[in-house]
């Protein structure tokens, strides 16, 4: 149950921050095309997204151990 709850929470976090980021990029693209502003915002949001993924992955590994590798105690 805990794994299912963690999966739902993780999906919610990705959607909570990913959808507004994608909409922001889409609006900038519609307004200005492939402008320098678009690429700057894309890089910044990409770095924030990468940090989010790395943080949640580290948290998952702390809670459940490395997926696909058995831990010997």
PDB file of N, CA and C in Angstrom:
ATOM      1  N   UNK A   1       0.820  -1.185   0.000  1.00  0.00           N
ATOM      2  CA  UNK A   1       0.000   0.000   0.000  1.00  0.00           C
ATOM      3  C   UNK A   1       0.867   1.253   0.000  1.00  0.00           C
ATOM      4  N   UNK A   2       1.950   1.175   0.772  1.00  0.00           N
ATOM      5  CA  UNK A   2       2.829   2.336   0.855  1.00  0.00           C
ATOM      6  C   UNK A   2       3.446   2.646  -0.504  1.00  0.00           C
ATOM      7  N   UNK A   3       3.826   1.602  -1.249  1.00  0.00           N
ATOM      8  CA  UNK A   3       4.412   1.821  -2.576  1.00  0.00           C
ATOM      9  C   UNK A   3       3.400   2.446  -3.528  1.00  0.00           C
ATOM     10  N   UNK A   4       2.167   1.997  -3.460  1.00  0.00           N
ATOM     11  CA  UNK A   4       1.122   2.570  -4.310  1.00  0.00           C
ATOM     12  C   UNK A   4       0.889   4.032  -3.952  1.00  0.00           C
ATOM     13  N   UNK A   5       0.813   4.326  -2.675  1.00  0.00           N
ATOM     14  CA  UNK A   5       0.640   5.711  -2.246  1.00  0.00           C
ATOM     15  C   UNK A   5       1.807   6.585  -2.674  1.00  0.00           C
ATOM     16  N   UNK A   6       3.013   6.055  -2.581  1.00  0.00           N
ATOM     17  CA  UNK A   6       4.185   6.819  -3.001  1.00  0.00           C
ATOM     18  C   UNK A   6       4.158   7.054  -4.501  1.00  0.00           C
ATOM     19  N   UNK A   7       3.723   6.057  -5.278  1.00  0.00           N
ATOM     20  CA  UNK A   7       3.619   6.220  -6.721  1.00  0.00           C
ATOM     21  C   UNK A   7       2.623   7.319  -7.080  1.00  0.00           C
ATOM     22  N   UNK A   8       1.474   7.332  -6.417  1.00  0.00           N
ATOM     23  CA  UNK A   8       0.461   8.356  -6.683  1.00  0.00           C
ATOM     24  C   UNK A   8       0.979   9.730  -6.273  1.00  0.00           C
ATOM     25  N   UNK A   9       1.640   9.809  -5.130  1.00  0.00           N
ATOM     26  CA  UNK A   9       2.198  11.081  -4.683  1.00  0.00           C
ATOM     27  C   UNK A   9       3.242  11.587  -5.666  1.00  0.00           C
ATOM     28  N   UNK A  10       4.103  10.679  -6.142  1.00  0.00           N
ATOM     29  CA  UNK A  10       5.145  11.062  -7.092  1.00  0.00           C
ATOM     30  C   UNK A  10       4.532  11.548  -8.402  1.00  0.00           C
ATOM     31  N   UNK A  11       3.509  10.877  -8.893  1.00  0.00           N
ATOM     32  CA  UNK A  11       2.827  11.305 -10.117  1.00  0.00           C
ATOM     33  C   UNK A  11       2.183  12.671  -9.921  1.00  0.00           C
ATOM     34  N   UNK A  12       1.599  12.905  -8.742  1.00  0.00           N
ATOM     35  CA  UNK A  12       0.991  14.194  -8.444  1.00  0.00           C
ATOM     36  C   UNK A  12       2.041  15.310  -8.445  1.00  0.00           C
ATOM     37  N   UNK A  13       3.194  15.065  -7.850  1.00  0.00           N
ATOM     38  CA  UNK A  13       4.248  16.078  -7.817  1.00  0.00           C
ATOM     39  C   UNK A  13       4.732  16.397  -9.223  1.00  0.00           C
ATOM     40  N   UNK A  14       4.939  15.363 -10.054  1.00  0.00           N
ATOM     41  CA  UNK A  14       5.386  15.601 -11.426  1.00  0.00           C
ATOM     42  C   UNK A  14       4.349  16.417 -12.199  1.00  0.00           C
ATOM     43  N   UNK A  15       3.078  16.086 -12.034  1.00  0.00           N
ATOM     44  CA  UNK A  15       2.023  16.821 -12.730  1.00  0.00           C
ATOM     45  C   UNK A  15       1.890  18.243 -12.189  1.00  0.00           C
ATOM     46  N   UNK A  16       2.012  18.377 -10.886  1.00  0.00           N
ATOM     47  CA  UNK A  16       1.853  19.684 -10.235  1.00  0.00           C
ATOM     48  C   UNK A  16       2.878  20.697 -10.741  1.00  0.00           C
ATOM     49  N   UNK A  17       4.095  20.249 -10.997  1.00  0.00           N
ATOM     50  CA  UNK A  17       5.131  21.159 -11.465  1.00  0.00           C
ATOM     51  C   UNK A  17       5.382  21.043 -12.967  1.00  0.00           C
ATOM     52  N   UNK A  18       5.087  19.922 -13.568  1.00  0.00           N
ATOM     53  CA  UNK A  18       5.353  19.735 -14.987  1.00  0.00           C
ATOM     54  C   UNK A  18       4.345  20.407 -15.898  1.00  0.00           C
ATOM     55  N   UNK A  19       3.068  20.341 -15.543  1.00  0.00           N
ATOM     56  CA  UNK A  19       2.031  20.937 -16.388  1.00  0.00           C
ATOM     57  C   UNK A  19       2.175  22.461 -16.459  1.00  0.00           C
ATOM     58  N   UNK A  20       2.338  23.179 -15.352  1.00  0.00           N
ATOM     59  CA  UNK A  20       2.543  24.630 -15.475  1.00  0.00           C
ATOM     60  C   UNK A  20       3.826  24.996 -16.235  1.00  0.00           C
ATOM     61  N   UNK A  21       4.874  24.197 -16.073  1.00  0.00           N
ATOM     62  CA  UNK A  21       6.110  24.469 -16.803  1.00  0.00           C
ATOM     63  C   UNK A  21       5.887  24.298 -18.305  1.00  0.00           C
ATOM     64  N   UNK A  22       5.197  23.233 -18.697  1.00  0.00           N
ATOM     65  CA  UNK A  22       4.918  23.003 -20.116  1.00  0.00           C
ATOM     66  C   UNK A  22       4.008  24.095 -20.679  1.00  0.00           C
ATOM     67  N   UNK A  23       3.017  24.502 -19.905  1.00  0.00           N
ATOM     68  CA  UNK A  23       2.133  25.578 -20.371  1.00  0.00           C
ATOM     69  C   UNK A  23       2.882  26.895 -20.519  1.00  0.00           C
ATOM     70  N   UNK A  24       3.793  27.173 -19.607  1.00  0.00           N
ATOM     71  CA  UNK A  24       4.598  28.390 -19.699  1.00  0.00           C
ATOM     72  C   UNK A  24       5.443  28.374 -20.966  1.00  0.00           C
ATOM     73  N   UNK A  25       6.092  27.264 -21.231  1.00  0.00           N
ATOM     74  CA  UNK A  25       6.887  27.159 -22.456  1.00  0.00           C
ATOM     75  C   UNK A  25       6.018  27.280 -23.700  1.00  0.00           C
ATOM     76  N   UNK A  26       4.857  26.681 -23.667  1.00  0.00           N
ATOM     77  CA  UNK A  26       3.948  26.748 -24.808  1.00  0.00           C
ATOM     78  C   UNK A  26       3.500  28.184 -25.065  1.00  0.00           C
ATOM     79  N   UNK A  27       3.172  28.919 -23.994  1.00  0.00           N
ATOM     80  CA  UNK A  27       2.750  30.313 -24.164  1.00  0.00           C
ATOM     81  C   UNK A  27       3.879  31.187 -24.685  1.00  0.00           C
ATOM     82  N   UNK A  28       5.078  30.969 -24.196  1.00  0.00           N
ATOM     83  CA  UNK A  28       6.217  31.740 -24.699  1.00  0.00           C
ATOM     84  C   UNK A  28       6.466  31.404 -26.164  1.00  0.00           C
ATOM     85  N   UNK A  29       6.334  30.133 -26.515  1.00  0.00           N
ATOM     86  CA  UNK A  29       6.519  29.735 -27.911  1.00  0.00           C
ATOM     87  C   UNK A  29       5.460  30.386 -28.808  1.00  0.00           C
ATOM     88  N   UNK A  30       4.216  30.405 -28.366  1.00  0.00           N
ATOM     89  CA  UNK A  30       3.160  31.027 -29.167  1.00  0.00           C
ATOM     90  C   UNK A  30       3.385  32.523 -29.323  1.00  0.00           C
ATOM     91  N   UNK A  31       3.890  33.167 -28.283  1.00  0.00           N
ATOM     92  CA  UNK A  31       4.082  34.615 -28.324  1.00  0.00           C
ATOM     93  C   UNK A  31       5.327  35.016 -29.113  1.00  0.00           C
ATOM     94  N   UNK A  32       6.437  34.262 -28.946  1.00  0.00           N
ATOM     95  CA  UNK A  32       7.697  34.711 -29.525  1.00  0.00           C
ATOM     96  C   UNK A  32       8.398  33.679 -30.391  1.00  0.00           C
ATOM     97  N   UNK A  33       7.912  32.468 -30.449  1.00  0.00           N
ATOM     98  CA  UNK A  33       8.591  31.439 -31.235  1.00  0.00           C
ATOM     99  C   UNK A  33       9.832  30.932 -30.514  1.00  0.00           C
ATOM    100  N   UNK A  34      10.839  30.529 -31.297  1.00  0.00           N
ATOM    101  CA  UNK A  34      12.064  29.963 -30.731  1.00  0.00           C
ATOM    102  C   UNK A  34      13.032  31.088 -30.345  1.00  0.00           C
ATOM    103  N   UNK A  35      12.576  31.995 -29.534  1.00  0.00           N
ATOM    104  CA  UNK A  35      13.389  33.148 -29.140  1.00  0.00           C
ATOM    105  C   UNK A  35      14.375  32.777 -28.032  1.00  0.00           C
ATOM    106  N   UNK A  36      15.337  33.667 -27.767  1.00  0.00           N
ATOM    107  CA  UNK A  36      16.251  33.416 -26.639  1.00  0.00           C
ATOM    108  C   UNK A  36      15.514  33.285 -25.305  1.00  0.00           C
ATOM    109  N   UNK A  37      14.423  34.035 -25.128  1.00  0.00           N
ATOM    110  CA  UNK A  37      13.635  33.918 -23.897  1.00  0.00           C
ATOM    111  C   UNK A  37      13.105  32.499 -23.737  1.00  0.00           C
ATOM    112  N   UNK A  38      12.612  31.924 -24.820  1.00  0.00           N
ATOM    113  CA  UNK A  38      12.102  30.554 -24.768  1.00  0.00           C
ATOM    114  C   UNK A  38      13.194  29.599 -24.305  1.00  0.00           C
ATOM    115  N   UNK A  39      14.389  29.718 -24.882  1.00  0.00           N
ATOM    116  CA  UNK A  39      15.467  28.793 -24.547  1.00  0.00           C
ATOM    117  C   UNK A  39      15.980  29.007 -23.134  1.00  0.00           C
ATOM    118  N   UNK A  40      16.029  30.247 -22.673  1.00  0.00           N
ATOM    119  CA  UNK A  40      16.455  30.509 -21.290  1.00  0.00           C
ATOM    120  C   UNK A  40      15.468  29.893 -20.305  1.00  0.00           C
ATOM    121  N   UNK A  41      14.185  30.109 -20.541  1.00  0.00           N
ATOM    122  CA  UNK A  41      13.163  29.543 -19.657  1.00  0.00           C
ATOM    123  C   UNK A  41      13.175  28.024 -19.736  1.00  0.00           C
ATOM    124  N   UNK A  42      13.393  27.477 -20.939  1.00  0.00           N
ATOM    125  CA  UNK A  42      13.441  26.021 -21.092  1.00  0.00           C
ATOM    126  C   UNK A  42      14.604  25.423 -20.305  1.00  0.00           C
ATOM    127  N   UNK A  43      15.756  26.076 -20.339  1.00  0.00           N
ATOM    128  CA  UNK A  43      16.914  25.573 -19.596  1.00  0.00           C
ATOM    129  C   UNK A  43      16.671  25.665 -18.094  1.00  0.00           C
ATOM    130  N   UNK A  44      16.135  26.782 -17.639  1.00  0.00           N
ATOM    131  CA  UNK A  44      15.873  26.955 -16.204  1.00  0.00           C
ATOM    132  C   UNK A  44      14.842  25.926 -15.723  1.00  0.00           C
ATOM    133  N   UNK A  45      13.749  25.778 -16.454  1.00  0.00           N
ATOM    134  CA  UNK A  45      12.730  24.803 -16.055  1.00  0.00           C
ATOM    135  C   UNK A  45      13.247  23.372 -16.168  1.00  0.00           C
ATOM    136  N   UNK A  46      14.098  23.117 -17.141  1.00  0.00           N
ATOM    137  CA  UNK A  46      14.707  21.799 -17.261  1.00  0.00           C
ATOM    138  C   UNK A  46      15.589  21.473 -16.066  1.00  0.00           C
ATOM    139  N   UNK A  47      16.363  22.464 -15.606  1.00  0.00           N
ATOM    140  CA  UNK A  47      17.216  22.242 -14.431  1.00  0.00           C
ATOM    141  C   UNK A  47      16.374  22.032 -13.173  1.00  0.00           C
ATOM    142  N   UNK A  48      15.298  22.788 -13.040  1.00  0.00           N
ATOM    143  CA  UNK A  48      14.404  22.600 -11.895  1.00  0.00           C
ATOM    144  C   UNK A  48      13.770  21.215 -11.952  1.00  0.00           C
ATOM    145  N   UNK A  49      13.334  20.802 -13.132  1.00  0.00           N
ATOM    146  CA  UNK A  49      12.753  19.469 -13.289  1.00  0.00           C
ATOM    147  C   UNK A  49      13.750  18.361 -12.998  1.00  0.00           C
ATOM    148  N   UNK A  50      14.986  18.538 -13.439  1.00  0.00           N
ATOM    149  CA  UNK A  50      16.018  17.547 -13.152  1.00  0.00           C
ATOM    150  C   UNK A  50      16.277  17.448 -11.652  1.00  0.00           C
ATOM    151  N   UNK A  51      16.323  18.580 -10.976  1.00  0.00           N
ATOM    152  CA  UNK A  51      16.493  18.563  -9.522  1.00  0.00           C
ATOM    153  C   UNK A  51      15.333  17.881  -8.825  1.00  0.00           C
ATOM    154  N   UNK A  52      14.126  18.116  -9.318  1.00  0.00           N
ATOM    155  CA  UNK A  52      12.943  17.467  -8.753  1.00  0.00           C
ATOM    156  C   UNK A  52      13.022  15.955  -8.920  1.00  0.00           C
ATOM    157  N   UNK A  53      13.368  15.505 -10.109  1.00  0.00           N
ATOM    158  CA  UNK A  53      13.467  14.068 -10.370  1.00  0.00           C
ATOM    159  C   UNK A  53      14.564  13.435  -9.520  1.00  0.00           C
ATOM    160  N   UNK A  54      15.723  14.080  -9.440  1.00  0.00           N
ATOM    161  CA  UNK A  54      16.816  13.525  -8.640  1.00  0.00           C
ATOM    162  C   UNK A  54      16.453  13.470  -7.156  1.00  0.00           C
ATOM    163  N   UNK A  55      15.772  14.487  -6.661  1.00  0.00           N
ATOM    164  CA  UNK A  55      15.362  14.499  -5.257  1.00  0.00           C
ATOM    165  C   UNK A  55      14.358  13.416  -4.937  1.00  0.00           C
ATOM    166  N   UNK A  56      13.363  13.256  -5.791  1.00  0.00           N
ATOM    167  CA  UNK A  56      12.353  12.224  -5.552  1.00  0.00           C
ATOM    168  C   UNK A  56      12.956  10.834  -5.711  1.00  0.00           C
ATOM    169  N   UNK A  57      13.891  10.662  -6.655  1.00  0.00           N
ATOM    170  CA  UNK A  57      14.550   9.368  -6.828  1.00  0.00           C
ATOM    171  C   UNK A  57      15.378   9.009  -5.605  1.00  0.00           C
ATOM    172  N   UNK A  58      16.077   9.983  -5.054  1.00  0.00           N
ATOM    173  CA  UNK A  58      16.860   9.722  -3.839  1.00  0.00           C
ATOM    174  C   UNK A  58      15.944   9.356  -2.670  1.00  0.00           C
ATOM    175  N   UNK A  59      14.829  10.056  -2.559  1.00  0.00           N
ATOM    176  CA  UNK A  59      13.861   9.746  -1.499  1.00  0.00           C
ATOM    177  C   UNK A  59      13.310   8.334  -1.676  1.00  0.00           C
ATOM    178  N   UNK A  60      12.995   7.951  -2.930  1.00  0.00           N
ATOM    179  CA  UNK A  60      12.502   6.598  -3.203  1.00  0.00           C
ATOM    180  C   UNK A  60      13.545   5.550  -2.809  1.00  0.00           C
ATOM    181  N   UNK A  61      14.798   5.814  -3.139  1.00  0.00           N
ATOM    182  CA  UNK A  61      15.856   4.859  -2.804  1.00  0.00           C
ATOM    183  C   UNK A  61      16.044   4.730  -1.302  1.00  0.00           C
ATOM    184  N   UNK A  62      15.851   5.803  -0.565  1.00  0.00           N
ATOM    185  CA  UNK A  62      15.951   5.722   0.898  1.00  0.00           C
ATOM    186  C   UNK A  62      14.813   4.896   1.487  1.00  0.00           C
ATOM    187  N   UNK A  63      13.631   5.069   0.924  1.00  0.00           N
ATOM    188  CA  UNK A  63      12.464   4.376   1.472  1.00  0.00           C
ATOM    189  C   UNK A  63      12.412   2.904   1.080  1.00  0.00           C
ATOM    190  N   UNK A  64      12.720   2.603  -0.177  1.00  0.00           N
ATOM    191  CA  UNK A  64      12.519   1.251  -0.698  1.00  0.00           C
ATOM    192  C   UNK A  64      13.810   0.540  -1.056  1.00  0.00           C
ATOM    193  N   UNK A  65      14.927   1.199  -1.007  1.00  0.00           N
ATOM    194  CA  UNK A  65      16.171   0.605  -1.487  1.00  0.00           C
ATOM    195  C   UNK A  65      16.257   0.769  -2.993  1.00  0.00           C
ATOM    196  N   UNK A  66      17.367   0.392  -3.559  1.00  0.00           N
ATOM    197  CA  UNK A  66      17.523   0.486  -5.009  1.00  0.00           C
ATOM    198  C   UNK A  66      16.593  -0.505  -5.684  1.00  0.00           C
ATOM    199  N   UNK A  67      15.840  -0.026  -6.640  1.00  0.00           N
ATOM    200  CA  UNK A  67      14.912  -0.879  -7.369  1.00  0.00           C
ATOM    201  C   UNK A  67      15.726  -1.821  -8.266  1.00  0.00           C
ATOM    202  N   UNK A  68      15.401  -3.101  -8.227  1.00  0.00           N
ATOM    203  CA  UNK A  68      16.075  -4.080  -9.069  1.00  0.00           C
ATOM    204  C   UNK A  68      17.334  -4.647  -8.461  1.00  0.00           C
ATOM    205  N   UNK A  69      17.669  -4.245  -7.248  1.00  0.00           N
ATOM    206  CA  UNK A  69      18.869  -4.779  -6.594  1.00  0.00           C
ATOM    207  C   UNK A  69      18.509  -5.138  -5.159  1.00  0.00           C
ATOM    208  N   UNK A  70      18.803  -6.369  -4.783  1.00  0.00           N
ATOM    209  CA  UNK A  70      18.462  -6.806  -3.445  1.00  0.00           C
ATOM    210  C   UNK A  70      19.526  -6.337  -2.461  1.00  0.00           C
ATOM    211  N   UNK A  71      19.074  -5.950  -1.313  1.00  0.00           N
ATOM    212  CA  UNK A  71      20.003  -5.510  -0.273  1.00  0.00           C
ATOM    213  C   UNK A  71      20.226  -6.660   0.706  1.00  0.00           C
ATOM    214  N   UNK A  72      21.464  -6.885   1.057  1.00  0.00           N
ATOM    215  CA  UNK A  72      21.810  -7.920   2.014  1.00  0.00           C
ATOM    216  C   UNK A  72      22.005  -7.261   3.376  1.00  0.00           C
ATOM    217  N   UNK A  73      21.282  -7.766   4.365  1.00  0.00           N
ATOM    218  CA  UNK A  73      21.395  -7.174   5.707  1.00  0.00           C
ATOM    219  C   UNK A  73      22.112  -8.083   6.620  1.00  0.00           C
TER     220      UNK A  73
END
